[in-house]
Amino acid sequence: MTGYRLAEGLYIHPTPAGAYYAASFKENDKPRKFLRTLFQQPETPELSLEQLHSLTGIGEAEKCLELLYHCQKLGLVQGFGEKKTPPSGSLEQLLPPLLGKISEDSRVLLADNQGFYLANHGFVHEAAEELSALCTEIARVHDRRSGLLINNLGLNSHAWAIVNAGGSSQAGFWPLFIGEIRFLIAIFGIPHFNQPEFVDLVWMLSIRYAENRS
């Protein structure tokens, strides 16, 4: 374990960048699997070698610490001096105000892969229904053309956008892969994925929909 030393008295959790990395792609590499396991915890686990073995599924101490260091270097994990838990309450009540924090325009919608919206902030019901259907149609187009976009053109992203004449995004559509489910989030205006509310969003959805599935 040369060169690695665990900080003491910290509780580990993904950063906003870690939340985006964990949820924006379906692939399950080692860092993403580690982050997704962290998101399935009911509270932030205390940082220890024993916990790392359990969270990473890696039995060799050196490799556990290498993975943690890799995630730390990329800014995917952070340590807190005290234990944290996700917001408590029903998703129906918690999601709308939380979604409003991750858009500069406070207009955000979260839809499932069947075209139904789970929550929205800033849209009337009729617009939310149409927008959730649009989310699903965009996801289907992406699935049909992903070979071209990713393999041929090198556009390694699942996100789509509606842009203005200057090329700036007016509305963006991002998938959130949680367990076996692909959610879609539509954000009007500039997205704020770098907020703690985005971390809470992925955490709450993971606990509800991804437990024992990653």
C-alpha atoms as a PDB file:
ATOM      1  CA  MET A   1       0.000   0.000   0.000  1.00  0.00           C
ATOM      2  CA  THR A   2       2.960   2.300  -0.598  1.00  0.00           C
ATOM      3  CA  GLY A   3       2.104   5.906  -1.319  1.00  0.00           C
ATOM      4  CA  TYR A   4      -1.534   5.689  -0.217  1.00  0.00           C
ATOM      5  CA  ARG A   5      -2.920   6.780   3.143  1.00  0.00           C
ATOM      6  CA  LEU A   6      -6.596   7.101   4.001  1.00  0.00           C
ATOM      7  CA  ALA A   7      -7.723  10.320   5.649  1.00  0.00           C
ATOM      8  CA  GLU A   8      -9.367   9.686   8.988  1.00  0.00           C
ATOM      9  CA  GLY A   9     -12.796  10.749  10.217  1.00  0.00           C
ATOM     10  CA  LEU A  10     -14.316  11.356   6.778  1.00  0.00           C
ATOM     11  CA  TYR A  11     -17.538  10.151   5.150  1.00  0.00           C
ATOM     12  CA  ILE A  12     -17.297   9.535   1.414  1.00  0.00           C
ATOM     13  CA  HIS A  13     -19.818  10.571  -1.227  1.00  0.00           C
ATOM     14  CA  PRO A  14     -19.846  11.414  -4.957  1.00  0.00           C
ATOM     15  CA  THR A  15     -19.351  15.017  -6.089  1.00  0.00           C
ATOM     16  CA  PRO A  16     -21.664  16.624  -8.681  1.00  0.00           C
ATOM     17  CA  ALA A  17     -19.115  15.531 -11.315  1.00  0.00           C
ATOM     18  CA  GLY A  18     -19.280  12.034  -9.853  1.00  0.00           C
ATOM     19  CA  ALA A  19     -23.067  12.060 -10.023  1.00  0.00           C
ATOM     20  CA  TYR A  20     -22.936  13.058 -13.685  1.00  0.00           C
ATOM     21  CA  TYR A  21     -20.313  10.407 -14.445  1.00  0.00           C
ATOM     22  CA  ALA A  22     -22.336   7.730 -12.662  1.00  0.00           C
ATOM     23  CA  ALA A  23     -25.655   8.484 -14.349  1.00  0.00           C
ATOM     24  CA  SER A  24     -24.870   9.811 -17.816  1.00  0.00           C
ATOM     25  CA  PHE A  25     -23.778   6.509 -19.376  1.00  0.00           C
ATOM     26  CA  LYS A  26     -25.120   2.983 -19.155  1.00  0.00           C
ATOM     27  CA  GLU A  27     -21.658   1.374 -19.183  1.00  0.00           C
ATOM     28  CA  ASN A  28     -20.488   0.064 -15.819  1.00  0.00           C
ATOM     29  CA  ASP A  29     -16.699   0.500 -15.573  1.00  0.00           C
ATOM     30  CA  LYS A  30     -14.988   0.235 -12.176  1.00  0.00           C
ATOM     31  CA  PRO A  31     -15.228   3.930 -11.171  1.00  0.00           C
ATOM     32  CA  ARG A  32     -18.852   4.094 -12.282  1.00  0.00           C
ATOM     33  CA  LYS A  33     -19.723   0.888 -10.429  1.00  0.00           C
ATOM     34  CA  PHE A  34     -18.091   2.288  -7.276  1.00  0.00           C
ATOM     35  CA  LEU A  35     -20.010   5.572  -7.572  1.00  0.00           C
ATOM     36  CA  ARG A  36     -23.284   3.784  -8.193  1.00  0.00           C
ATOM     37  CA  THR A  37     -22.731   1.644  -5.114  1.00  0.00           C
ATOM     38  CA  LEU A  38     -22.128   4.813  -3.076  1.00  0.00           C
ATOM     39  CA  PHE A  39     -25.438   6.178  -4.348  1.00  0.00           C
ATOM     40  CA  GLN A  40     -27.257   3.085  -3.123  1.00  0.00           C
ATOM     41  CA  GLN A  41     -26.176   3.694   0.483  1.00  0.00           C
ATOM     42  CA  PRO A  42     -28.836   5.117   2.839  1.00  0.00           C
ATOM     43  CA  GLU A  43     -26.164   7.376   4.358  1.00  0.00           C
ATOM     44  CA  THR A  44     -22.619   8.404   3.533  1.00  0.00           C
ATOM     45  CA  PRO A  45     -20.291   5.572   4.625  1.00  0.00           C
ATOM     46  CA  GLU A  46     -17.288   6.253   6.802  1.00  0.00           C
ATOM     47  CA  LEU A  47     -14.048   6.084   4.862  1.00  0.00           C
ATOM     48  CA  SER A  48     -12.105   2.974   5.861  1.00  0.00           C
ATOM     49  CA  LEU A  49     -10.312   0.172   4.078  1.00  0.00           C
ATOM     50  CA  GLU A  50     -12.965  -2.299   5.200  1.00  0.00           C
ATOM     51  CA  GLN A  51     -15.702  -0.102   3.727  1.00  0.00           C
ATOM     52  CA  LEU A  52     -13.746   0.293   0.486  1.00  0.00           C
ATOM     53  CA  HIS A  53     -13.503  -3.492   0.082  1.00  0.00           C
ATOM     54  CA  SER A  54     -17.277  -3.704   0.443  1.00  0.00           C
ATOM     55  CA  LEU A  55     -18.099  -0.696  -1.762  1.00  0.00           C
ATOM     56  CA  THR A  56     -15.719  -1.523  -4.611  1.00  0.00           C
ATOM     57  CA  GLY A  57     -16.033  -5.298  -4.535  1.00  0.00           C
ATOM     58  CA  ILE A  58     -12.224  -5.445  -4.769  1.00  0.00           C
ATOM     59  CA  GLY A  59     -10.450  -7.737  -2.332  1.00  0.00           C
ATOM     60  CA  GLU A  60      -6.909  -6.428  -2.809  1.00  0.00           C
ATOM     61  CA  ALA A  61      -6.177  -3.392  -0.617  1.00  0.00           C
ATOM     62  CA  GLU A  62      -3.759  -1.762  -3.042  1.00  0.00           C
ATOM     63  CA  LYS A  63      -6.262  -1.904  -5.902  1.00  0.00           C
ATOM     64  CA  CYS A  64      -9.017  -0.500  -3.659  1.00  0.00           C
ATOM     65  CA  LEU A  65      -6.873   2.486  -2.822  1.00  0.00           C
ATOM     66  CA  GLU A  66      -5.801   2.940  -6.441  1.00  0.00           C
ATOM     67  CA  LEU A  67      -9.453   3.149  -7.498  1.00  0.00           C
ATOM     68  CA  LEU A  68     -10.246   5.628  -4.743  1.00  0.00           C
ATOM     69  CA  TYR A  69      -7.231   7.765  -5.677  1.00  0.00           C
ATOM     70  CA  HIS A  70      -8.236   7.662  -9.361  1.00  0.00           C
ATOM     71  CA  CYS A  71     -11.769   8.862  -8.506  1.00  0.00           C
ATOM     72  CA  GLN A  72     -10.396  11.535  -6.180  1.00  0.00           C
ATOM     73  CA  LYS A  73      -7.965  12.792  -8.829  1.00  0.00           C
ATOM     74  CA  LEU A  74     -10.840  13.144 -11.321  1.00  0.00           C
ATOM     75  CA  GLY A  75     -12.964  14.998  -8.750  1.00  0.00           C
ATOM     76  CA  LEU A  76     -15.614  12.266  -8.631  1.00  0.00           C
ATOM     77  CA  VAL A  77     -15.682  11.752  -4.848  1.00  0.00           C
ATOM     78  CA  GLN A  78     -15.486  13.988  -1.811  1.00  0.00           C
ATOM     79  CA  GLY A  79     -15.141  13.594   1.942  1.00  0.00           C
ATOM     80  CA  PHE A  80     -17.347  15.183   4.589  1.00  0.00           C
ATOM     81  CA  GLY A  81     -16.562  15.639   8.263  1.00  0.00           C
ATOM     82  CA  GLU A  82     -20.013  14.420   9.238  1.00  0.00           C
ATOM     83  CA  LYS A  83     -22.480  11.822   8.039  1.00  0.00           C
ATOM     84  CA  LYS A  84     -25.039  12.867   5.413  1.00  0.00           C
ATOM     85  CA  THR A  85     -28.360  11.339   4.367  1.00  0.00           C
ATOM     86  CA  PRO A  86     -30.539  12.025   1.316  1.00  0.00           C
ATOM     87  CA  PRO A  87     -33.578  14.292   1.680  1.00  0.00           C
ATOM     88  CA  SER A  88     -36.401  12.444   3.413  1.00  0.00           C
ATOM     89  CA  GLY A  89     -39.965  12.344   2.174  1.00  0.00           C
ATOM     90  CA  SER A  90     -41.835  11.259  -0.936  1.00  0.00           C
ATOM     91  CA  LEU A  91     -40.300  11.813  -4.372  1.00  0.00           C
ATOM     92  CA  GLU A  92     -43.493  13.525  -5.489  1.00  0.00           C
ATOM     93  CA  GLN A  93     -42.954  16.286  -2.923  1.00  0.00           C
ATOM     94  CA  LEU A  94     -39.169  16.474  -2.978  1.00  0.00           C
ATOM     95  CA  LEU A  95     -38.359  16.371  -6.681  1.00  0.00           C
ATOM     96  CA  PRO A  96     -40.031  19.540  -8.084  1.00  0.00           C
ATOM     97  CA  PRO A  97     -38.190  22.123  -5.908  1.00  0.00           C
ATOM     98  CA  LEU A  98     -34.972  20.128  -6.215  1.00  0.00           C
ATOM     99  CA  LEU A  99     -35.248  20.074 -10.029  1.00  0.00           C
ATOM    100  CA  GLY A 100     -35.746  23.829 -10.071  1.00  0.00           C
ATOM    101  CA  LYS A 101     -32.242  24.311  -8.647  1.00  0.00           C
ATOM    102  CA  ILE A 102     -30.455  22.651 -11.567  1.00  0.00           C
ATOM    103  CA  SER A 103     -31.612  25.041 -14.271  1.00  0.00           C
ATOM    104  CA  GLU A 104     -30.877  28.740 -14.618  1.00  0.00           C
ATOM    105  CA  ASP A 105     -34.437  29.205 -15.908  1.00  0.00           C
ATOM    106  CA  SER A 106     -35.944  26.908 -13.225  1.00  0.00           C
ATOM    107  CA  ARG A 107     -37.679  24.909 -15.950  1.00  0.00           C
ATOM    108  CA  VAL A 108     -36.875  21.213 -15.635  1.00  0.00           C
ATOM    109  CA  LEU A 109     -38.732  17.971 -16.231  1.00  0.00           C
ATOM    110  CA  LEU A 110     -37.872  14.391 -15.254  1.00  0.00           C
ATOM    111  CA  ALA A 111     -39.456  11.646 -17.358  1.00  0.00           C
ATOM    112  CA  ASP A 112     -39.220   7.866 -17.350  1.00  0.00           C
ATOM    113  CA  ASN A 113     -38.477   5.712 -20.373  1.00  0.00           C
ATOM    114  CA  GLN A 114     -42.199   5.136 -20.995  1.00  0.00           C
ATOM    115  CA  GLY A 115     -42.864   8.805 -21.698  1.00  0.00           C
ATOM    116  CA  PHE A 116     -44.448   9.741 -18.369  1.00  0.00           C
ATOM    117  CA  TYR A 117     -43.090  12.553 -16.249  1.00  0.00           C
ATOM    118  CA  LEU A 118     -42.261  11.880 -12.628  1.00  0.00           C
ATOM    119  CA  ALA A 119     -41.855  15.529 -11.679  1.00  0.00           C
ATOM    120  CA  ASN A 120     -41.478  18.923 -13.262  1.00  0.00           C
ATOM    121  CA  HIS A 121     -40.721  22.466 -12.235  1.00  0.00           C
ATOM    122  CA  GLY A 122     -41.926  25.408 -14.308  1.00  0.00           C
ATOM    123  CA  PHE A 123     -44.248  23.687 -16.805  1.00  0.00           C
ATOM    124  CA  VAL A 124     -48.022  23.392 -16.861  1.00  0.00           C
ATOM    125  CA  HIS A 125     -49.364  19.840 -16.896  1.00  0.00           C
ATOM    126  CA  GLU A 126     -50.199  19.761 -20.637  1.00  0.00           C
ATOM    127  CA  ALA A 127     -46.739  21.008 -21.647  1.00  0.00           C
ATOM    128  CA  ALA A 128     -45.097  18.553 -19.231  1.00  0.00           C
ATOM    129  CA  GLU A 129     -46.949  15.633 -20.826  1.00  0.00           C
ATOM    130  CA  GLU A 130     -45.897  16.643 -24.338  1.00  0.00           C
ATOM    131  CA  LEU A 131     -42.330  17.296 -23.225  1.00  0.00           C
ATOM    132  CA  SER A 132     -42.013  13.892 -21.552  1.00  0.00           C
ATOM    133  CA  ALA A 133     -43.211  12.243 -24.779  1.00  0.00           C
ATOM    134  CA  LEU A 134     -40.591  14.246 -26.693  1.00  0.00           C
ATOM    135  CA  CYS A 135     -37.909  13.020 -24.269  1.00  0.00           C
ATOM    136  CA  THR A 136     -38.767   9.421 -25.083  1.00  0.00           C
ATOM    137  CA  GLU A 137     -38.772  10.054 -28.829  1.00  0.00           C
ATOM    138  CA  ILE A 138     -35.337  11.682 -28.641  1.00  0.00           C
ATOM    139  CA  ALA A 139     -34.019   8.679 -26.686  1.00  0.00           C
ATOM    140  CA  ARG A 140     -35.360   6.303 -29.346  1.00  0.00           C
ATOM    141  CA  VAL A 141     -33.734   8.288 -32.148  1.00  0.00           C
ATOM    142  CA  HIS A 142     -30.460   8.259 -30.246  1.00  0.00           C
ATOM    143  CA  ASP A 143     -30.662   4.496 -29.766  1.00  0.00           C
ATOM    144  CA  ARG A 144     -31.252   3.984 -33.490  1.00  0.00           C
ATOM    145  CA  ARG A 145     -28.393   6.288 -34.534  1.00  0.00           C
ATOM    146  CA  SER A 146     -25.904   5.704 -31.696  1.00  0.00           C
ATOM    147  CA  GLY A 147     -23.668   3.613 -33.961  1.00  0.00           C
ATOM    148  CA  LEU A 148     -23.207   6.587 -36.280  1.00  0.00           C
ATOM    149  CA  LEU A 149     -22.928   9.191 -33.532  1.00  0.00           C
ATOM    150  CA  ILE A 150     -20.564   7.334 -31.221  1.00  0.00           C
ATOM    151  CA  ASN A 151     -18.627   4.918 -33.410  1.00  0.00           C
ATOM    152  CA  ASN A 152     -18.400   6.833 -36.698  1.00  0.00           C
ATOM    153  CA  LEU A 153     -18.485  10.470 -35.605  1.00  0.00           C
ATOM    154  CA  GLY A 154     -16.903  10.095 -32.174  1.00  0.00           C
ATOM    155  CA  LEU A 155     -19.713  11.980 -30.405  1.00  0.00           C
ATOM    156  CA  ASN A 156     -19.526  10.090 -27.130  1.00  0.00           C
ATOM    157  CA  SER A 157     -22.593  11.569 -25.470  1.00  0.00           C
ATOM    158  CA  HIS A 158     -26.235  10.601 -25.042  1.00  0.00           C
ATOM    159  CA  ALA A 159     -27.400  14.216 -24.632  1.00  0.00           C
ATOM    160  CA  TRP A 160     -29.297  16.198 -27.272  1.00  0.00           C
ATOM    161  CA  ALA A 161     -30.100  19.916 -27.472  1.00  0.00           C
ATOM    162  CA  ILE A 162     -32.329  22.432 -29.236  1.00  0.00           C
ATOM    163  CA  VAL A 163     -30.104  25.339 -30.220  1.00  0.00           C
ATOM    164  CA  ASN A 164     -30.648  28.915 -31.406  1.00  0.00           C
ATOM    165  CA  ALA A 165     -29.124  30.597 -34.458  1.00  0.00           C
ATOM    166  CA  GLY A 166     -25.891  31.207 -32.564  1.00  0.00           C
ATOM    167  CA  GLY A 167     -25.547  27.542 -31.675  1.00  0.00           C
ATOM    168  CA  SER A 168     -26.344  28.047 -27.984  1.00  0.00           C
ATOM    169  CA  SER A 169     -28.595  25.496 -26.329  1.00  0.00           C
ATOM    170  CA  GLN A 170     -32.094  26.627 -25.434  1.00  0.00           C
ATOM    171  CA  ALA A 171     -33.194  23.222 -24.169  1.00  0.00           C
ATOM    172  CA  GLY A 172     -31.159  20.111 -23.427  1.00  0.00           C
ATOM    173  CA  PHE A 173     -32.153  16.482 -22.961  1.00  0.00           C
ATOM    174  CA  TRP A 174     -29.975  14.162 -20.881  1.00  0.00           C
ATOM    175  CA  PRO A 175     -30.435  10.516 -19.899  1.00  0.00           C
ATOM    176  CA  LEU A 176     -29.989   9.400 -16.308  1.00  0.00           C
ATOM    177  CA  PHE A 177     -29.181   5.689 -16.162  1.00  0.00           C
ATOM    178  CA  ILE A 178     -30.322   4.453 -12.763  1.00  0.00           C
ATOM    179  CA  GLY A 179     -30.127   0.680 -12.331  1.00  0.00           C
ATOM    180  CA  GLU A 180     -31.951  -0.858 -15.269  1.00  0.00           C
ATOM    181  CA  ILE A 181     -34.013   2.276 -15.921  1.00  0.00           C
ATOM    182  CA  ARG A 182     -33.211   5.173 -18.208  1.00  0.00           C
ATOM    183  CA  PHE A 183     -34.757   8.406 -17.010  1.00  0.00           C
ATOM    184  CA  LEU A 184     -34.630  11.545 -19.115  1.00  0.00           C
ATOM    185  CA  ILE A 185     -34.194  15.042 -17.824  1.00  0.00           C
ATOM    186  CA  ALA A 186     -35.135  18.082 -19.912  1.00  0.00           C
ATOM    187  CA  ILE A 187     -33.564  21.370 -18.872  1.00  0.00           C
ATOM    188  CA  PHE A 188     -34.397  24.756 -20.372  1.00  0.00           C
ATOM    189  CA  GLY A 189     -31.677  27.387 -20.138  1.00  0.00           C
ATOM    190  CA  ILE A 190     -28.222  26.749 -18.728  1.00  0.00           C
ATOM    191  CA  PRO A 191     -28.009  23.495 -16.738  1.00  0.00           C
ATOM    192  CA  HIS A 192     -26.482  23.526 -13.265  1.00  0.00           C
ATOM    193  CA  PHE A 193     -25.278  19.966 -12.856  1.00  0.00           C
ATOM    194  CA  ASN A 194     -22.554  21.264 -10.548  1.00  0.00           C
ATOM    195  CA  GLN A 195     -25.036  21.794  -7.697  1.00  0.00           C
ATOM    196  CA  PRO A 196     -25.525  19.552  -4.619  1.00  0.00           C
ATOM    197  CA  GLU A 197     -29.190  19.234  -5.641  1.00  0.00           C
ATOM    198  CA  PHE A 198     -28.100  17.197  -8.667  1.00  0.00           C
ATOM    199  CA  VAL A 199     -26.206  14.837  -6.363  1.00  0.00           C
ATOM    200  CA  ASP A 200     -29.339  14.488  -4.207  1.00  0.00           C
ATOM    201  CA  LEU A 201     -31.431  13.793  -7.318  1.00  0.00           C
ATOM    202  CA  VAL A 202     -29.215  10.902  -8.417  1.00  0.00           C
ATOM    203  CA  TRP A 203     -28.985   9.644  -4.820  1.00  0.00           C
ATOM    204  CA  MET A 204     -32.747   9.628  -4.273  1.00  0.00           C
ATOM    205  CA  LEU A 205     -33.467   7.941  -7.612  1.00  0.00           C
ATOM    206  CA  SER A 206     -30.742   5.342  -6.994  1.00  0.00           C
ATOM    207  CA  ILE A 207     -32.106   4.393  -3.582  1.00  0.00           C
ATOM    208  CA  ARG A 208     -35.622   4.120  -4.986  1.00  0.00           C
ATOM    209  CA  TYR A 209     -34.893   2.386  -8.303  1.00  0.00           C
ATOM    210  CA  ALA A 210     -31.385   0.896  -8.361  1.00  0.00           C
ATOM    211  CA  GLU A 211     -30.991  -0.981  -5.081  1.00  0.00           C
ATOM    212  CA  ASN A 212     -29.414  -4.417  -5.585  1.00  0.00           C
ATOM    213  CA  ARG A 213     -29.409  -3.938  -9.367  1.00  0.00           C
ATOM    214  CA  SER A 214     -25.996  -2.451 -10.177  1.00  0.00           C
END
